[in-house]
N, C-alpha and C. Protein backbone atom coordinates (compact mmCIF):
# COMPACT_ATOMS: atom_id res chain seq x y z
N MET A 1 67.63 58.83 179.41
CA MET A 1 67.35 59.14 178.03
C MET A 1 66.65 57.97 177.33
N ARG A 2 65.79 57.31 178.06
CA ARG A 2 65.08 56.15 177.53
C ARG A 2 64.25 56.51 176.31
N HIS A 3 63.50 57.61 176.37
CA HIS A 3 62.64 57.99 175.26
C HIS A 3 63.45 58.43 174.04
N PHE A 4 64.57 59.09 174.28
CA PHE A 4 65.43 59.48 173.16
C PHE A 4 65.96 58.23 172.46
N ASN A 5 66.36 57.23 173.25
CA ASN A 5 66.85 55.98 172.66
C ASN A 5 65.74 55.26 171.88
N GLU A 6 64.51 55.32 172.39
CA GLU A 6 63.38 54.74 171.67
C GLU A 6 63.18 55.45 170.33
N LEU A 7 63.33 56.77 170.35
CA LEU A 7 63.19 57.55 169.12
C LEU A 7 64.26 57.16 168.10
N ILE A 8 65.50 57.07 168.55
CA ILE A 8 66.59 56.70 167.66
C ILE A 8 66.39 55.28 167.13
N THR A 9 65.88 54.39 167.96
CA THR A 9 65.59 53.02 167.52
C THR A 9 64.51 53.02 166.44
N ALA A 10 63.47 53.82 166.64
CA ALA A 10 62.40 53.92 165.64
C ALA A 10 62.94 54.46 164.32
N TYR A 11 63.81 55.46 164.40
CA TYR A 11 64.42 55.99 163.18
C TYR A 11 65.30 54.94 162.50
N SER A 12 65.98 54.13 163.29
CA SER A 12 66.81 53.05 162.73
C SER A 12 65.93 52.03 162.01
N GLN A 13 64.78 51.72 162.60
CA GLN A 13 63.85 50.79 161.96
C GLN A 13 63.33 51.39 160.65
N TRP A 14 63.10 52.70 160.67
CA TRP A 14 62.65 53.38 159.44
C TRP A 14 63.72 53.24 158.35
N ARG A 15 64.97 53.41 158.76
CA ARG A 15 66.08 53.28 157.81
C ARG A 15 66.09 51.88 157.19
N VAL A 16 65.95 50.86 158.01
CA VAL A 16 65.94 49.49 157.52
C VAL A 16 64.78 49.29 156.53
N CYS A 17 63.61 49.78 156.89
CA CYS A 17 62.44 49.67 155.99
C CYS A 17 62.71 50.39 154.67
N THR A 18 63.32 51.55 154.75
CA THR A 18 63.59 52.32 153.54
C THR A 18 64.62 51.62 152.66
N GLU A 19 65.61 51.01 153.28
CA GLU A 19 66.61 50.25 152.51
C GLU A 19 65.96 49.04 151.85
N HIS A 20 65.12 48.33 152.59
CA HIS A 20 64.40 47.18 152.01
C HIS A 20 63.45 47.62 150.91
N GLU A 21 62.83 48.77 151.11
CA GLU A 21 61.95 49.33 150.09
C GLU A 21 62.74 49.60 148.80
N GLY A 22 63.93 50.16 148.94
CA GLY A 22 64.78 50.43 147.77
C GLY A 22 65.16 49.15 147.05
N GLU A 23 65.45 48.10 147.80
CA GLU A 23 65.78 46.81 147.19
C GLU A 23 64.56 46.25 146.45
N ALA A 24 63.39 46.40 147.05
CA ALA A 24 62.16 45.92 146.41
C ALA A 24 61.87 46.70 145.14
N ILE A 25 62.10 48.00 145.16
CA ILE A 25 61.90 48.82 143.96
C ILE A 25 62.83 48.33 142.85
N ALA A 26 64.08 48.07 143.19
CA ALA A 26 65.05 47.62 142.20
C ALA A 26 64.65 46.28 141.58
N ARG A 27 64.00 45.41 142.38
CA ARG A 27 63.55 44.11 141.87
C ARG A 27 62.20 44.19 141.17
N GLY A 28 61.52 45.32 141.32
CA GLY A 28 60.17 45.43 140.77
C GLY A 28 59.16 44.66 141.62
N ASP A 29 59.49 44.47 142.89
CA ASP A 29 58.64 43.73 143.82
C ASP A 29 57.69 44.72 144.50
N TRP A 30 56.55 44.97 143.86
CA TRP A 30 55.65 46.01 144.33
C TRP A 30 54.93 45.61 145.61
N ARG A 31 54.74 44.32 145.84
CA ARG A 31 54.17 43.88 147.12
C ARG A 31 55.17 44.14 148.25
N GLY A 32 56.43 43.92 147.97
CA GLY A 32 57.46 44.21 148.96
C GLY A 32 57.53 45.69 149.27
N VAL A 33 57.39 46.52 148.25
CA VAL A 33 57.37 47.98 148.46
C VAL A 33 56.19 48.35 149.35
N ALA A 34 55.03 47.79 149.03
CA ALA A 34 53.82 48.09 149.82
C ALA A 34 53.99 47.64 151.27
N ALA A 35 54.61 46.49 151.48
CA ALA A 35 54.82 45.99 152.84
C ALA A 35 55.73 46.93 153.63
N GLN A 36 56.77 47.44 152.99
CA GLN A 36 57.68 48.35 153.69
C GLN A 36 56.98 49.68 153.98
N GLN A 37 56.16 50.14 153.06
CA GLN A 37 55.43 51.38 153.29
C GLN A 37 54.44 51.22 154.43
N GLU A 38 53.83 50.05 154.52
CA GLU A 38 52.91 49.77 155.63
C GLU A 38 53.66 49.78 156.96
N SER A 39 54.84 49.18 156.98
CA SER A 39 55.66 49.20 158.19
C SER A 39 56.02 50.62 158.59
N LYS A 40 56.34 51.43 157.61
CA LYS A 40 56.70 52.83 157.91
C LYS A 40 55.51 53.62 158.40
N THR A 41 54.31 53.27 157.95
CA THR A 41 53.11 53.93 158.45
C THR A 41 52.97 53.70 159.94
N HIS A 42 53.21 52.47 160.39
CA HIS A 42 53.13 52.16 161.82
C HIS A 42 54.26 52.86 162.58
N LEU A 43 55.43 52.90 161.98
CA LEU A 43 56.56 53.57 162.64
C LEU A 43 56.32 55.06 162.80
N ARG A 44 55.62 55.66 161.86
CA ARG A 44 55.35 57.09 161.91
C ARG A 44 54.67 57.47 163.23
N GLU A 45 53.69 56.68 163.63
CA GLU A 45 52.99 56.94 164.89
C GLU A 45 53.93 56.82 166.09
N THR A 46 54.78 55.80 166.05
CA THR A 46 55.75 55.60 167.12
C THR A 46 56.72 56.77 167.19
N ILE A 47 57.17 57.23 166.03
CA ILE A 47 58.13 58.34 165.99
C ILE A 47 57.50 59.62 166.53
N ILE A 48 56.26 59.87 166.18
CA ILE A 48 55.59 61.08 166.67
C ILE A 48 55.49 61.04 168.19
N ARG A 49 55.03 59.91 168.73
CA ARG A 49 54.91 59.78 170.19
C ARG A 49 56.28 59.89 170.85
N SER A 50 57.25 59.18 170.31
CA SER A 50 58.59 59.16 170.92
C SER A 50 59.25 60.53 170.85
N THR A 51 59.00 61.27 169.79
CA THR A 51 59.60 62.60 169.67
C THR A 51 59.10 63.51 170.78
N ASP A 52 57.81 63.51 171.01
CA ASP A 52 57.25 64.34 172.08
C ASP A 52 57.81 63.94 173.44
N ARG A 53 57.83 62.65 173.71
CA ARG A 53 58.35 62.16 175.00
C ARG A 53 59.83 62.45 175.15
N ALA A 54 60.59 62.23 174.08
CA ALA A 54 62.03 62.46 174.15
C ALA A 54 62.34 63.93 174.36
N ARG A 55 61.58 64.79 173.69
CA ARG A 55 61.79 66.23 173.85
C ARG A 55 61.52 66.65 175.30
N GLN A 56 60.45 66.15 175.89
CA GLN A 56 60.13 66.46 177.29
C GLN A 56 61.22 65.92 178.22
N GLU A 57 61.65 64.70 177.96
CA GLU A 57 62.70 64.08 178.74
C GLU A 57 63.99 64.91 178.65
N TRP A 58 64.30 65.36 177.46
CA TRP A 58 65.51 66.15 177.20
C TRP A 58 65.44 67.45 177.99
N LYS A 59 64.28 68.13 177.91
CA LYS A 59 64.10 69.40 178.63
C LYS A 59 64.21 69.20 180.14
N SER A 60 63.55 68.16 180.65
CA SER A 60 63.53 67.94 182.10
C SER A 60 64.90 67.57 182.64
N SER A 61 65.78 67.07 181.78
CA SER A 61 67.13 66.75 182.24
C SER A 61 68.04 67.98 182.23
N GLY A 62 67.50 69.11 181.73
CA GLY A 62 68.27 70.34 181.71
C GLY A 62 69.21 70.48 180.53
N ARG A 63 69.10 69.60 179.58
CA ARG A 63 69.97 69.66 178.40
C ARG A 63 69.44 70.69 177.41
N ASP A 64 70.35 71.17 176.59
CA ASP A 64 70.02 72.19 175.60
C ASP A 64 69.12 71.59 174.51
N GLU A 65 67.97 72.21 174.29
CA GLU A 65 67.01 71.71 173.31
C GLU A 65 67.55 71.78 171.89
N SER A 66 68.42 72.73 171.63
CA SER A 66 68.98 72.83 170.28
C SER A 66 69.87 71.62 169.96
N GLU A 67 70.49 71.05 170.99
CA GLU A 67 71.29 69.83 170.78
C GLU A 67 70.37 68.67 170.37
N PHE A 68 69.22 68.58 171.04
CA PHE A 68 68.23 67.56 170.68
C PHE A 68 67.80 67.74 169.23
N ASP A 69 67.44 68.98 168.88
CA ASP A 69 67.00 69.27 167.52
C ASP A 69 68.08 68.93 166.49
N GLY A 70 69.33 69.25 166.83
CA GLY A 70 70.44 68.97 165.92
C GLY A 70 70.63 67.49 165.69
N ARG A 71 70.54 66.70 166.75
CA ARG A 71 70.69 65.24 166.61
C ARG A 71 69.56 64.65 165.77
N VAL A 72 68.34 65.08 166.07
CA VAL A 72 67.19 64.56 165.33
C VAL A 72 67.27 65.01 163.87
N ARG A 73 67.64 66.25 163.66
CA ARG A 73 67.74 66.77 162.29
C ARG A 73 68.75 65.98 161.47
N GLN A 74 69.86 65.60 162.09
CA GLN A 74 70.89 64.84 161.38
C GLN A 74 70.35 63.48 160.93
N VAL A 75 69.65 62.80 161.83
CA VAL A 75 69.08 61.49 161.50
C VAL A 75 68.02 61.64 160.42
N VAL A 76 67.16 62.63 160.58
CA VAL A 76 66.08 62.84 159.62
C VAL A 76 66.65 63.21 158.24
N SER A 77 67.70 63.98 158.21
CA SER A 77 68.33 64.35 156.93
C SER A 77 68.83 63.12 156.19
N GLU A 78 69.43 62.20 156.92
CA GLU A 78 69.90 60.96 156.30
C GLU A 78 68.73 60.16 155.74
N LEU A 79 67.65 60.11 156.50
CA LEU A 79 66.47 59.37 156.04
C LEU A 79 65.85 60.03 154.81
N ILE A 80 65.84 61.34 154.80
CA ILE A 80 65.30 62.06 153.63
C ILE A 80 66.14 61.74 152.40
N SER A 81 67.44 61.63 152.55
CA SER A 81 68.31 61.27 151.42
C SER A 81 67.98 59.88 150.90
N LEU A 82 67.75 58.94 151.82
CA LEU A 82 67.39 57.58 151.40
C LEU A 82 66.03 57.57 150.70
N GLU A 83 65.09 58.32 151.23
CA GLU A 83 63.76 58.39 150.62
C GLU A 83 63.85 59.01 149.22
N ALA A 84 64.70 60.02 149.08
CA ALA A 84 64.87 60.66 147.76
C ALA A 84 65.50 59.68 146.77
N ARG A 85 66.44 58.89 147.25
CA ARG A 85 67.05 57.86 146.39
C ARG A 85 65.99 56.87 145.91
N ASN A 86 65.12 56.46 146.84
CA ASN A 86 64.04 55.54 146.46
C ASN A 86 63.08 56.18 145.47
N ALA A 87 62.78 57.45 145.68
CA ALA A 87 61.89 58.16 144.76
C ALA A 87 62.50 58.21 143.36
N ASP A 88 63.81 58.46 143.29
CA ASP A 88 64.49 58.47 141.99
C ASP A 88 64.45 57.10 141.33
N ALA A 89 64.70 56.05 142.13
CA ALA A 89 64.67 54.69 141.59
C ALA A 89 63.26 54.34 141.11
N LEU A 90 62.27 54.78 141.85
CA LEU A 90 60.88 54.53 141.46
C LEU A 90 60.55 55.25 140.16
N ALA A 91 61.01 56.47 140.03
CA ALA A 91 60.77 57.24 138.79
C ALA A 91 61.45 56.55 137.61
N THR A 92 62.63 56.01 137.82
CA THR A 92 63.34 55.30 136.76
C THR A 92 62.57 54.04 136.35
N GLN A 93 62.11 53.29 137.37
CA GLN A 93 61.32 52.08 137.08
C GLN A 93 60.04 52.45 136.33
N ARG A 94 59.40 53.49 136.77
CA ARG A 94 58.14 53.90 136.14
C ARG A 94 58.38 54.29 134.67
N ALA A 95 59.46 55.01 134.42
CA ALA A 95 59.79 55.40 133.05
C ALA A 95 60.06 54.17 132.19
N ALA A 96 60.77 53.20 132.75
CA ALA A 96 61.06 51.98 132.00
C ALA A 96 59.77 51.21 131.69
N TYR A 97 58.87 51.15 132.66
CA TYR A 97 57.59 50.47 132.42
C TYR A 97 56.74 51.22 131.41
N THR A 98 56.83 52.53 131.41
CA THR A 98 56.08 53.32 130.43
C THR A 98 56.58 53.03 129.03
N VAL A 99 57.89 52.98 128.86
CA VAL A 99 58.47 52.66 127.55
C VAL A 99 58.06 51.26 127.12
N GLN A 100 58.12 50.32 128.06
CA GLN A 100 57.75 48.95 127.74
C GLN A 100 56.27 48.87 127.34
N ARG A 101 55.42 49.57 128.06
CA ARG A 101 53.99 49.57 127.74
C ARG A 101 53.75 50.15 126.34
N GLU A 102 54.47 51.24 126.03
CA GLU A 102 54.32 51.85 124.70
C GLU A 102 54.78 50.90 123.60
N GLU A 103 55.87 50.17 123.84
CA GLU A 103 56.36 49.20 122.86
C GLU A 103 55.36 48.08 122.67
N LEU A 104 54.77 47.63 123.75
CA LEU A 104 53.75 46.58 123.65
C LEU A 104 52.52 47.07 122.90
N GLU A 105 52.17 48.32 123.10
CA GLU A 105 51.03 48.89 122.39
C GLU A 105 51.31 48.95 120.89
N VAL A 106 52.52 49.32 120.51
CA VAL A 106 52.90 49.34 119.09
C VAL A 106 52.81 47.92 118.53
N SER A 107 53.29 46.95 119.27
CA SER A 107 53.21 45.55 118.82
C SER A 107 51.77 45.10 118.66
N ARG A 108 50.92 45.49 119.59
CA ARG A 108 49.52 45.12 119.51
C ARG A 108 48.87 45.70 118.25
N ARG A 109 49.16 46.97 117.98
CA ARG A 109 48.61 47.60 116.78
C ARG A 109 49.13 46.92 115.51
N ASN A 110 50.42 46.57 115.51
CA ASN A 110 50.98 45.88 114.35
C ASN A 110 50.30 44.53 114.13
N LEU A 111 50.05 43.82 115.19
CA LEU A 111 49.35 42.53 115.07
C LEU A 111 47.93 42.72 114.55
N GLN A 112 47.28 43.75 115.01
CA GLN A 112 45.93 44.03 114.51
C GLN A 112 45.96 44.31 113.01
N ARG A 113 46.96 45.06 112.57
CA ARG A 113 47.07 45.35 111.13
C ARG A 113 47.36 44.08 110.33
N ILE A 114 48.22 43.24 110.86
CA ILE A 114 48.53 41.98 110.16
C ILE A 114 47.27 41.12 110.06
N ARG A 115 46.57 41.00 111.15
CA ARG A 115 45.32 40.22 111.13
C ARG A 115 44.33 40.80 110.14
N ALA A 116 44.22 42.12 110.12
CA ALA A 116 43.28 42.77 109.20
C ALA A 116 43.69 42.55 107.75
N SER A 117 45.00 42.58 107.47
CA SER A 117 45.45 42.42 106.08
C SER A 117 45.24 41.00 105.58
N TYR A 118 45.25 40.01 106.48
CA TYR A 118 45.01 38.63 106.08
C TYR A 118 43.56 38.21 106.31
N GLY A 119 42.77 39.15 106.75
CA GLY A 119 41.36 38.85 106.97
C GLY A 119 41.12 38.00 108.20
N ILE A 120 42.07 37.98 109.09
CA ILE A 120 41.93 37.19 110.31
C ILE A 120 41.36 38.09 111.40
N THR A 121 40.26 37.72 111.93
CA THR A 121 39.69 38.46 113.05
C THR A 121 39.58 37.51 114.23
N PRO A 122 39.63 38.00 115.42
CA PRO A 122 39.53 37.11 116.58
C PRO A 122 38.25 36.29 116.58
N GLU A 123 37.17 36.88 116.10
CA GLU A 123 35.91 36.15 116.08
C GLU A 123 36.00 34.96 115.14
N ALA A 124 36.62 35.18 113.97
CA ALA A 124 36.72 34.13 112.97
C ALA A 124 37.51 32.94 113.52
N CYS A 125 38.55 33.20 114.26
CA CYS A 125 39.35 32.12 114.84
C CYS A 125 38.51 31.30 115.81
N TRP A 126 37.78 31.96 116.63
CA TRP A 126 36.97 31.24 117.62
C TRP A 126 35.84 30.48 116.94
N GLN A 127 35.29 31.04 115.89
CA GLN A 127 34.23 30.34 115.20
C GLN A 127 34.76 29.07 114.51
N GLY A 128 36.03 29.12 114.12
CA GLY A 128 36.63 27.96 113.47
C GLY A 128 36.78 26.78 114.40
N TYR A 129 36.83 26.99 115.68
CA TYR A 129 36.98 25.92 116.64
C TYR A 129 35.65 25.35 117.11
N SER A 130 34.58 25.93 116.68
CA SER A 130 33.25 25.48 117.13
C SER A 130 32.90 24.14 116.56
């Protein structure tokens, strides 16, 4: 069952990447998120190859294919749950950044109004330093 073990190892690596991705999302470390997604892209190819090989290996050993499917489905279901958790965390982060951006935009507009009411324009400030 060498190929099946390779498949399970690849899924375990995917789990680790997904957990690290979740930690990076929580920290707002978008480069870390991108790095984990890149790792998962490479793992995807390995998983596809290993799945085909493991399935053939499973069949040739005379084992029930539904047992293979059940084991793989269980692992994949757990990974889907982790991915969904990350998607929720990402949506939360995105919403928080949207609120922050909107607050900054309100502050920017308020500053523009203050500058306008005192007759201060950005050009005038720069001209004063000439």
